[in-house]
Amino acid sequence: MQVQFNSDSSVMGTENVAERIEASVRDKLARFEDRLTRLEIHVRDENGAKGGADDKACTIEARPSGGRAIGVTEHASTVDDAARKAAATLAQRLDRHFGKSEKHRHDARPDKVM
């Protein structure tokens, strides 16, 4: 699974922040890794230098193999918290997405033994 990290200029886009957020998101979505081709993580500060509660946002877009992209956006006071919340919400959506396809899958009919 390929992971792409993007941040705006008002968020500290250092390697440490990118590595920390990517590791946290990968950990939360690890059980879906074989079913996803790509993750895009976008973090931003919605009001720049001005302070404020829940002004950091994280958008995560997951691309399931052979399916349409699924995206979520969450807000928090830090980019780490926003990423954690977005990963949790995305995990719930992926559970529903993949759960529906598994629910409709049927096991092979067992051979009759006489």
C-alpha atoms as a PDB file:
ATOM      1  CA  MET A   1       0.000   0.000   0.000  1.00  0.00           C
ATOM      2  CA  GLN A   2       1.407   3.337  -1.043  1.00  0.00           C
ATOM      3  CA  VAL A   3       1.043   6.274   1.372  1.00  0.00           C
ATOM      4  CA  GLN A   4       1.276   9.909   0.303  1.00  0.00           C
ATOM      5  CA  PHE A   5       1.522  12.662   2.940  1.00  0.00           C
ATOM      6  CA  ASN A   6       0.694  16.319   2.182  1.00  0.00           C
ATOM      7  CA  SER A   7       0.646  19.363   4.445  1.00  0.00           C
ATOM      8  CA  ASP A   8       0.133  23.070   3.942  1.00  0.00           C
ATOM      9  CA  SER A   9       2.750  25.666   4.813  1.00  0.00           C
ATOM     10  CA  SER A  10       1.170  26.553   8.165  1.00  0.00           C
ATOM     11  CA  VAL A  11       1.547  22.994   9.502  1.00  0.00           C
ATOM     12  CA  MET A  12       5.012  21.903  10.462  1.00  0.00           C
ATOM     13  CA  GLY A  13       5.734  19.650   7.489  1.00  0.00           C
ATOM     14  CA  THR A  14       8.899  18.174   8.899  1.00  0.00           C
ATOM     15  CA  GLU A  15       9.760  14.527   8.399  1.00  0.00           C
ATOM     16  CA  ASN A  16       9.056  13.844  12.072  1.00  0.00           C
ATOM     17  CA  VAL A  17       5.438  15.003  11.797  1.00  0.00           C
ATOM     18  CA  ALA A  18       4.926  13.135   8.528  1.00  0.00           C
ATOM     19  CA  GLU A  19       6.500   9.924   9.878  1.00  0.00           C
ATOM     20  CA  ARG A  20       4.559  10.092  13.138  1.00  0.00           C
ATOM     21  CA  ILE A  21       1.186  10.647  11.462  1.00  0.00           C
ATOM     22  CA  GLU A  22       1.847   8.065   8.743  1.00  0.00           C
ATOM     23  CA  ALA A  23       2.828   5.458  11.356  1.00  0.00           C
ATOM     24  CA  SER A  24      -0.286   6.173  13.403  1.00  0.00           C
ATOM     25  CA  VAL A  25      -2.583   5.891  10.345  1.00  0.00           C
ATOM     26  CA  ARG A  26      -0.841   2.726   9.075  1.00  0.00           C
ATOM     27  CA  ASP A  27      -1.224   1.150  12.518  1.00  0.00           C
ATOM     28  CA  LYS A  28      -4.949   1.907  12.650  1.00  0.00           C
ATOM     29  CA  LEU A  29      -5.611   0.695   9.091  1.00  0.00           C
ATOM     30  CA  ALA A  30      -3.178  -2.258   9.051  1.00  0.00           C
ATOM     31  CA  ARG A  31      -5.933  -4.871   8.768  1.00  0.00           C
ATOM     32  CA  PHE A  32      -7.020  -3.361   5.427  1.00  0.00           C
ATOM     33  CA  GLU A  33      -3.515  -3.093   3.954  1.00  0.00           C
ATOM     34  CA  ASP A  34      -3.902  -5.979   1.493  1.00  0.00           C
ATOM     35  CA  ARG A  35      -7.184  -4.516   0.178  1.00  0.00           C
ATOM     36  CA  LEU A  36      -5.995  -0.918  -0.337  1.00  0.00           C
ATOM     37  CA  THR A  37      -3.740   0.319  -3.109  1.00  0.00           C
ATOM     38  CA  ARG A  38      -3.135   3.828  -1.806  1.00  0.00           C
ATOM     39  CA  LEU A  39      -3.689   6.206   1.108  1.00  0.00           C
ATOM     40  CA  GLU A  40      -3.481   9.971   0.803  1.00  0.00           C
ATOM     41  CA  ILE A  41      -3.140  11.959   4.030  1.00  0.00           C
ATOM     42  CA  HIS A  42      -3.639  15.735   3.957  1.00  0.00           C
ATOM     43  CA  VAL A  43      -3.119  17.858   7.090  1.00  0.00           C
ATOM     44  CA  ARG A  44      -3.739  21.582   7.307  1.00  0.00           C
ATOM     45  CA  ASP A  45      -4.285  24.445   9.706  1.00  0.00           C
ATOM     46  CA  GLU A  46      -7.603  25.979   8.747  1.00  0.00           C
ATOM     47  CA  ASN A  47      -6.953  29.452  10.133  1.00  0.00           C
ATOM     48  CA  GLY A  48      -3.159  29.731   9.896  1.00  0.00           C
ATOM     49  CA  ALA A  49      -1.423  31.801  12.554  1.00  0.00           C
ATOM     50  CA  LYS A  50      -4.646  32.563  14.411  1.00  0.00           C
ATOM     51  CA  GLY A  51      -5.313  30.180  17.269  1.00  0.00           C
ATOM     52  CA  GLY A  52      -8.497  28.354  17.973  1.00  0.00           C
ATOM     53  CA  ALA A  53      -9.985  25.080  19.054  1.00  0.00           C
ATOM     54  CA  ASP A  54     -10.283  22.358  16.441  1.00  0.00           C
ATOM     55  CA  ASP A  55      -8.528  24.427  13.771  1.00  0.00           C
ATOM     56  CA  LYS A  56      -6.304  21.568  12.532  1.00  0.00           C
ATOM     57  CA  ALA A  57      -7.806  19.249   9.922  1.00  0.00           C
ATOM     58  CA  CYS A  58      -6.820  15.875   8.535  1.00  0.00           C
ATOM     59  CA  THR A  59      -8.315  14.349   5.418  1.00  0.00           C
ATOM     60  CA  ILE A  60      -7.532  10.736   4.584  1.00  0.00           C
ATOM     61  CA  GLU A  61      -8.528   9.176   1.278  1.00  0.00           C
ATOM     62  CA  ALA A  62      -8.289   5.408   0.867  1.00  0.00           C
ATOM     63  CA  ARG A  63      -8.396   3.712  -2.505  1.00  0.00           C
ATOM     64  CA  PRO A  64      -9.669   0.122  -2.307  1.00  0.00           C
ATOM     65  CA  SER A  65      -8.476  -2.264  -4.999  1.00  0.00           C
ATOM     66  CA  GLY A  66     -10.942  -2.089  -7.864  1.00  0.00           C
ATOM     67  CA  GLY A  67     -13.236   0.331  -6.038  1.00  0.00           C
ATOM     68  CA  ARG A  68     -14.022   3.997  -5.598  1.00  0.00           C
ATOM     69  CA  ALA A  69     -12.078   6.181  -3.202  1.00  0.00           C
ATOM     70  CA  ILE A  70     -13.378   6.594   0.352  1.00  0.00           C
ATOM     71  CA  GLY A  71     -12.488   9.804   2.164  1.00  0.00           C
ATOM     72  CA  VAL A  72     -12.973  11.321   5.602  1.00  0.00           C
ATOM     73  CA  THR A  73     -12.095  14.639   7.232  1.00  0.00           C
ATOM     74  CA  GLU A  74     -11.762  15.283  10.967  1.00  0.00           C
ATOM     75  CA  HIS A  75     -10.853  18.378  13.000  1.00  0.00           C
ATOM     76  CA  ALA A  76      -8.983  18.696  16.313  1.00  0.00           C
ATOM     77  CA  SER A  77      -6.677  21.052  18.188  1.00  0.00           C
ATOM     78  CA  THR A  78      -3.531  19.218  16.965  1.00  0.00           C
ATOM     79  CA  VAL A  79      -2.733  17.530  13.663  1.00  0.00           C
ATOM     80  CA  ASP A  80      -1.921  14.293  15.521  1.00  0.00           C
ATOM     81  CA  ASP A  81      -5.358  14.216  17.145  1.00  0.00           C
ATOM     82  CA  ALA A  82      -7.064  15.082  13.853  1.00  0.00           C
ATOM     83  CA  ALA A  83      -5.167  12.253  12.115  1.00  0.00           C
ATOM     84  CA  ARG A  84      -6.084   9.789  14.873  1.00  0.00           C
ATOM     85  CA  LYS A  85      -9.766  10.719  14.639  1.00  0.00           C
ATOM     86  CA  ALA A  86      -9.741  10.561  10.827  1.00  0.00           C
ATOM     87  CA  ALA A  87      -8.059   7.127  10.862  1.00  0.00           C
ATOM     88  CA  ALA A  88     -10.661   5.811  13.332  1.00  0.00           C
ATOM     89  CA  THR A  89     -13.537   7.128  11.209  1.00  0.00           C
ATOM     90  CA  LEU A  90     -11.987   5.707   8.037  1.00  0.00           C
ATOM     91  CA  ALA A  91     -11.537   2.314   9.723  1.00  0.00           C
ATOM     92  CA  GLN A  92     -15.276   2.272  10.509  1.00  0.00           C
ATOM     93  CA  ARG A  93     -16.161   3.150   6.917  1.00  0.00           C
ATOM     94  CA  LEU A  94     -13.806   0.509   5.533  1.00  0.00           C
ATOM     95  CA  ASP A  95     -15.308  -2.072   7.921  1.00  0.00           C
ATOM     96  CA  ARG A  96     -18.727  -1.282   6.471  1.00  0.00           C
ATOM     97  CA  HIS A  97     -17.432  -1.208   2.887  1.00  0.00           C
ATOM     98  CA  PHE A  98     -15.588  -4.514   3.056  1.00  0.00           C
ATOM     99  CA  GLY A  99     -18.109  -6.074   5.435  1.00  0.00           C
ATOM    100  CA  LYS A 100     -20.888  -5.699   2.896  1.00  0.00           C
ATOM    101  CA  SER A 101     -18.939  -7.528   0.219  1.00  0.00           C
ATOM    102  CA  GLU A 102     -17.985 -10.306   2.634  1.00  0.00           C
ATOM    103  CA  LYS A 103     -21.549 -10.629   3.896  1.00  0.00           C
ATOM    104  CA  HIS A 104     -22.755 -11.449   0.396  1.00  0.00           C
ATOM    105  CA  ARG A 105     -19.980 -13.926  -0.306  1.00  0.00           C
ATOM    106  CA  HIS A 106     -21.004 -17.552   0.040  1.00  0.00           C
ATOM    107  CA  ASP A 107     -18.887 -20.524   0.988  1.00  0.00           C
ATOM    108  CA  ALA A 108     -18.548 -23.306  -1.506  1.00  0.00           C
ATOM    109  CA  ARG A 109     -21.153 -25.985  -1.112  1.00  0.00           C
ATOM    110  CA  PRO A 110     -19.712 -28.978   0.747  1.00  0.00           C
ATOM    111  CA  ASP A 111     -19.516 -32.279  -1.115  1.00  0.00           C
ATOM    112  CA  LYS A 112     -22.156 -34.773  -0.167  1.00  0.00           C
ATOM    113  CA  VAL A 113     -20.827 -37.847   1.546  1.00  0.00           C
ATOM    114  CA  MET A 114     -22.812 -41.087   1.359  1.00  0.00           C
END
